[in-house]
Amino acid sequence: CSRPQKVCLCPFLPVHPLKVSTCLYIIQHPAEESRVLRTVPLLAACLPPDKCKILVGRRFNEDRYPELATVCRNPSTLILYPGAEATSLEEVAVMSSSPSVMIIIDGTWSQAKDIFYKNSLFRLPKQVQLKPSISSQYVIRTQPTNTCLSTLECAAIALSIMEKNKSIQETILHPLQALCSFQLQHGAQIHHSKEHLLKNGLYDKPMPKNKRKLRRMELLVNNVKI
């Protein structure tokens, strides 16, 4: 896990990489590489190297990433990104019997949005999303809403659905639970979502002057999906 011995997460990782038929392509925003508590390294430690490929960058075109372009054009490839055009992953998994490739964007919501909409390759795969019924266990990092998940959580849930194996989710989430526990023991605080703080009058930062950002906060308070 490459962490100091006193907070080592290796005992919470699977002894052997999980056997999965689904291959993940993690498209990681460069800013994520510098985050100390990022979750993608834990995900990669749970899976075989050929089933978890990480590409770092903001812009991806066919000339620089021919392998990714081929993957995006494959009819069985999925991209996990919520939106009006996204199909429920559960519905897609029921119809799918062959091994699939899934693309997941790793970054903040604004970074992920920028990557998705400014790279035409990512509009080629079938767009899927998870049901917004699960609260994040990544409690040491503030999420926009109660149902926003970390990249590791998204991957764990998606793989368990695609592989039709609930234990995969439990195995991948185990090191995340240990990570949060270690951090809380060493002085970290539980971070409620921005949605929770706004609804309960606990948001102590100045309200944004930007009208678009202010409107997004109003939507959170009124429980409108954004």
Protein backbone atom coordinates (compact mmCIF):
# COMPACT_ATOMS: atom_id res chain seq x y z
CA CYS A 1 0.00 0.00 0.00
CA SER A 2 3.10 2.29 0.21
CA ARG A 3 1.94 3.80 3.51
CA PRO A 4 3.92 4.18 6.78
CA GLN A 5 4.10 1.02 8.88
CA LYS A 6 1.87 2.33 11.70
CA VAL A 7 -0.96 3.01 9.24
CA CYS A 8 -0.20 0.19 6.80
CA LEU A 9 -3.26 -1.06 4.93
CA CYS A 10 -1.71 -4.22 3.49
CA PRO A 11 -3.43 -6.51 6.04
CA PHE A 12 -6.78 -5.22 4.75
CA LEU A 13 -6.03 -5.90 1.09
CA PRO A 14 -6.91 -9.25 -0.51
CA VAL A 15 -4.09 -11.78 -0.28
CA HIS A 16 -4.37 -12.40 -4.01
CA PRO A 17 -5.76 -10.01 -6.65
CA LEU A 18 -9.46 -10.51 -7.24
CA LYS A 19 -10.36 -12.63 -10.24
CA VAL A 20 -12.64 -10.50 -12.41
CA SER A 21 -13.50 -10.55 -16.10
CA THR A 22 -14.32 -6.81 -16.25
CA CYS A 23 -11.42 -4.52 -17.10
CA LEU A 24 -11.37 -1.01 -15.62
CA TYR A 25 -9.83 2.03 -17.28
CA ILE A 26 -9.38 4.77 -14.68
CA ILE A 27 -9.09 8.18 -16.34
CA GLN A 28 -7.38 10.21 -13.63
CA HIS A 29 -7.19 14.00 -13.49
CA PRO A 30 -3.54 15.06 -12.83
CA ALA A 31 -4.54 16.83 -9.59
CA GLU A 32 -5.53 13.49 -8.05
CA GLU A 33 -1.93 12.24 -8.13
CA SER A 34 -0.91 14.70 -5.42
CA ARG A 35 -3.76 13.87 -3.02
CA VAL A 36 -2.50 11.98 0.02
CA LEU A 37 -5.75 10.13 0.69
CA ARG A 38 -6.67 9.16 -2.87
CA THR A 39 -8.42 5.81 -3.29
CA VAL A 40 -7.31 4.63 -6.74
CA PRO A 41 -4.02 3.06 -5.44
CA LEU A 42 -6.11 0.91 -3.09
CA LEU A 43 -8.32 -0.14 -5.99
CA ALA A 44 -5.30 -1.06 -8.11
CA ALA A 45 -3.88 -3.10 -5.22
CA CYS A 46 -7.06 -5.21 -5.15
CA LEU A 47 -7.08 -6.09 -8.86
CA PRO A 48 -4.72 -7.74 -11.36
CA PRO A 49 -2.64 -5.17 -13.31
CA ASP A 50 -4.33 -6.09 -16.59
CA LYS A 51 -7.78 -5.44 -15.08
CA CYS A 52 -7.08 -1.93 -13.71
CA LYS A 53 -5.35 0.46 -16.09
CA ILE A 54 -4.76 4.06 -14.99
CA LEU A 55 -4.35 6.87 -17.53
CA VAL A 56 -3.48 10.33 -16.18
CA GLY A 57 -4.38 13.48 -18.09
CA ARG A 58 -7.00 16.03 -19.07
CA ARG A 59 -7.22 15.55 -22.83
CA PHE A 60 -7.33 12.22 -24.62
CA ASN A 61 -7.30 11.90 -28.40
CA GLU A 62 -6.92 9.01 -30.79
CA ASP A 63 -3.40 9.94 -31.92
CA ARG A 64 -1.91 9.92 -28.42
CA TYR A 65 -4.07 7.12 -27.00
CA PRO A 66 -4.80 4.62 -29.81
CA GLU A 67 -5.47 1.79 -27.34
CA LEU A 68 -8.02 3.89 -25.46
CA ALA A 69 -9.66 4.91 -28.75
CA THR A 70 -10.04 1.25 -29.70
CA VAL A 71 -11.54 0.52 -26.28
CA CYS A 72 -14.02 3.41 -26.57
CA ARG A 73 -15.21 2.14 -29.95
CA ASN A 74 -15.80 -1.37 -28.66
CA PRO A 75 -19.60 -2.00 -28.37
CA SER A 76 -19.15 -3.73 -25.01
CA THR A 77 -17.36 -0.78 -23.38
CA LEU A 78 -19.23 1.21 -20.72
CA ILE A 79 -18.46 4.59 -19.17
CA LEU A 80 -19.64 5.25 -15.63
CA TYR A 81 -20.89 8.83 -15.63
CA PRO A 82 -24.30 9.94 -14.28
CA GLY A 83 -26.71 11.98 -16.35
CA ALA A 84 -30.01 12.07 -18.18
CA GLU A 85 -28.65 9.86 -20.97
CA ALA A 86 -27.17 7.25 -18.62
CA THR A 87 -28.72 3.81 -18.23
CA SER A 88 -28.83 1.99 -14.91
CA LEU A 89 -25.83 -0.31 -14.65
CA GLU A 90 -28.02 -3.01 -13.11
CA GLU A 91 -30.14 -3.08 -16.27
CA VAL A 92 -27.10 -3.30 -18.52
CA ALA A 93 -25.54 -6.08 -16.42
CA VAL A 94 -28.65 -8.25 -16.75
CA MET A 95 -28.35 -8.11 -20.55
CA SER A 96 -24.57 -8.59 -20.63
CA SER A 97 -22.94 -12.01 -20.59
CA SER A 98 -19.53 -11.30 -22.14
CA PRO A 99 -16.57 -9.65 -20.37
CA SER A 100 -16.83 -5.87 -20.46
CA VAL A 101 -14.59 -2.85 -20.21
CA MET A 102 -15.63 0.03 -17.97
CA ILE A 103 -14.22 3.56 -17.96
CA ILE A 104 -14.34 5.54 -14.70
CA ILE A 105 -13.21 9.17 -14.39
CA ASP A 106 -11.23 9.96 -11.23
CA GLY A 107 -11.36 13.56 -10.02
CA THR A 108 -13.60 16.11 -8.36
CA TRP A 109 -17.05 16.55 -9.89
CA SER A 110 -15.95 19.64 -11.82
CA GLN A 111 -12.77 17.90 -13.02
CA ALA A 112 -14.70 14.80 -14.10
CA LYS A 113 -17.25 16.94 -15.94
CA ASP A 114 -14.47 18.78 -17.77
CA ILE A 115 -12.83 15.50 -18.84
CA PHE A 116 -16.10 13.90 -19.95
CA TYR A 117 -17.41 16.78 -22.05
CA LYS A 118 -14.11 17.92 -23.58
CA ASN A 119 -13.04 14.48 -24.83
CA SER A 120 -15.21 13.19 -27.65
CA LEU A 121 -13.87 9.64 -27.19
CA PHE A 122 -15.80 9.35 -23.91
CA ARG A 123 -19.10 9.92 -25.66
CA LEU A 124 -18.66 6.75 -27.73
CA PRO A 125 -19.16 4.07 -25.00
CA LYS A 126 -22.56 3.36 -23.49
CA GLN A 127 -23.12 5.72 -20.56
CA VAL A 128 -24.22 4.05 -17.30
CA GLN A 129 -24.83 5.15 -13.71
CA LEU A 130 -25.36 3.64 -10.27
CA LYS A 131 -28.57 3.94 -8.28
CA PRO A 132 -28.25 6.92 -5.88
CA SER A 133 -29.21 4.90 -2.81
CA ILE A 134 -25.85 4.31 -1.15
CA SER A 135 -24.09 6.74 1.21
CA SER A 136 -20.32 7.10 0.91
CA GLN A 137 -18.11 5.44 3.51
CA TYR A 138 -15.28 7.81 2.60
CA VAL A 139 -16.12 9.98 5.59
CA ILE A 140 -12.77 11.79 5.83
CA ARG A 141 -13.37 13.74 2.60
CA THR A 142 -16.25 16.14 1.94
CA GLN A 143 -18.60 15.09 -0.86
CA PRO A 144 -21.09 17.41 -2.62
CA THR A 145 -24.12 15.25 -1.75
CA ASN A 146 -24.92 12.32 0.53
CA THR A 147 -24.91 9.85 -2.37
CA CYS A 148 -21.64 10.97 -4.02
CA LEU A 149 -19.09 8.16 -3.94
CA SER A 150 -15.32 7.95 -4.19
CA THR A 151 -13.75 6.34 -7.26
CA LEU A 152 -12.95 3.20 -5.27
CA GLU A 153 -16.54 2.91 -4.06
CA CYS A 154 -17.91 3.38 -7.57
CA ALA A 155 -15.56 0.72 -8.90
CA ALA A 156 -16.37 -1.70 -6.07
CA ILE A 157 -20.11 -1.43 -6.60
CA ALA A 158 -19.83 -1.51 -10.39
CA LEU A 159 -17.62 -4.60 -10.37
CA SER A 160 -19.90 -6.44 -7.95
CA ILE A 161 -22.82 -5.72 -10.32
CA MET A 162 -20.98 -6.67 -13.51
CA GLU A 163 -19.44 -9.79 -11.97
CA LYS A 164 -22.68 -10.65 -10.14
CA ASN A 165 -20.68 -11.14 -6.97
CA LYS A 166 -21.50 -9.04 -3.88
CA SER A 167 -18.34 -10.15 -2.06
CA ILE A 168 -16.22 -8.14 -4.52
CA GLN A 169 -17.71 -4.92 -3.17
CA GLU A 170 -17.00 -5.95 0.42
CA THR A 171 -13.40 -6.93 -0.37
CA ILE A 172 -12.55 -3.68 -2.18
CA LEU A 173 -14.21 -1.49 0.45
CA HIS A 174 -12.33 -3.18 3.30
CA PRO A 175 -9.11 -1.13 2.90
CA LEU A 176 -11.14 2.09 2.53
CA GLN A 177 -12.90 1.41 5.82
CA ALA A 178 -9.51 0.77 7.45
CA LEU A 179 -8.07 3.96 5.92
CA CYS A 180 -10.90 6.07 7.35
CA SER A 181 -10.58 4.37 10.73
CA PHE A 182 -6.81 5.06 10.87
CA GLN A 183 -7.30 8.70 9.92
CA LEU A 184 -10.04 9.23 12.51
CA GLN A 185 -7.82 7.64 15.19
CA HIS A 186 -5.05 10.10 14.28
CA GLY A 187 -7.13 13.24 14.59
CA ALA A 188 -9.11 13.45 11.37
CA GLN A 189 -12.73 14.57 11.61
CA ILE A 190 -15.80 13.06 9.98
CA HIS A 191 -16.70 15.15 6.95
CA HIS A 192 -20.42 15.45 6.27
CA SER A 193 -21.46 16.20 2.71
CA LYS A 194 -22.01 19.80 1.65
CA GLU A 195 -25.68 18.85 1.17
CA HIS A 196 -25.93 17.71 4.82
CA LEU A 197 -24.21 20.85 6.13
CA LEU A 198 -26.43 23.21 4.14
CA LYS A 199 -29.67 21.46 5.09
CA ASN A 200 -28.77 21.47 8.78
CA GLY A 201 -27.46 25.04 8.95
CA LEU A 202 -23.92 23.85 9.65
CA TYR A 203 -22.17 25.26 6.59
CA ASP A 204 -19.68 27.76 8.06
CA LYS A 205 -17.96 29.01 4.93
CA PRO A 206 -18.93 32.23 3.12
CA MET A 207 -21.58 31.66 0.49
CA PRO A 208 -20.21 31.99 -3.04
CA LYS A 209 -20.71 35.22 -4.96
CA ASN A 210 -20.76 33.37 -8.26
CA LYS A 211 -24.43 32.99 -9.25
CA ARG A 212 -23.93 29.56 -10.82
CA LYS A 213 -22.27 28.16 -7.67
CA LEU A 214 -24.92 29.78 -5.48
CA ARG A 215 -27.65 28.17 -7.58
CA ARG A 216 -26.01 24.76 -7.14
CA MET A 217 -26.12 25.22 -3.36
CA GLU A 218 -29.80 26.13 -3.53
CA LEU A 219 -30.47 22.94 -5.47
CA LEU A 220 -28.65 20.89 -2.82
CA VAL A 221 -30.73 22.40 -0.02
CA ASN A 222 -33.95 21.72 -1.94
CA ASN A 223 -32.88 18.15 -2.71
CA VAL A 224 -32.86 18.70 -6.46
CA LYS A 225 -30.60 16.37 -8.44
CA ILE A 226 -27.73 18.28 -10.07
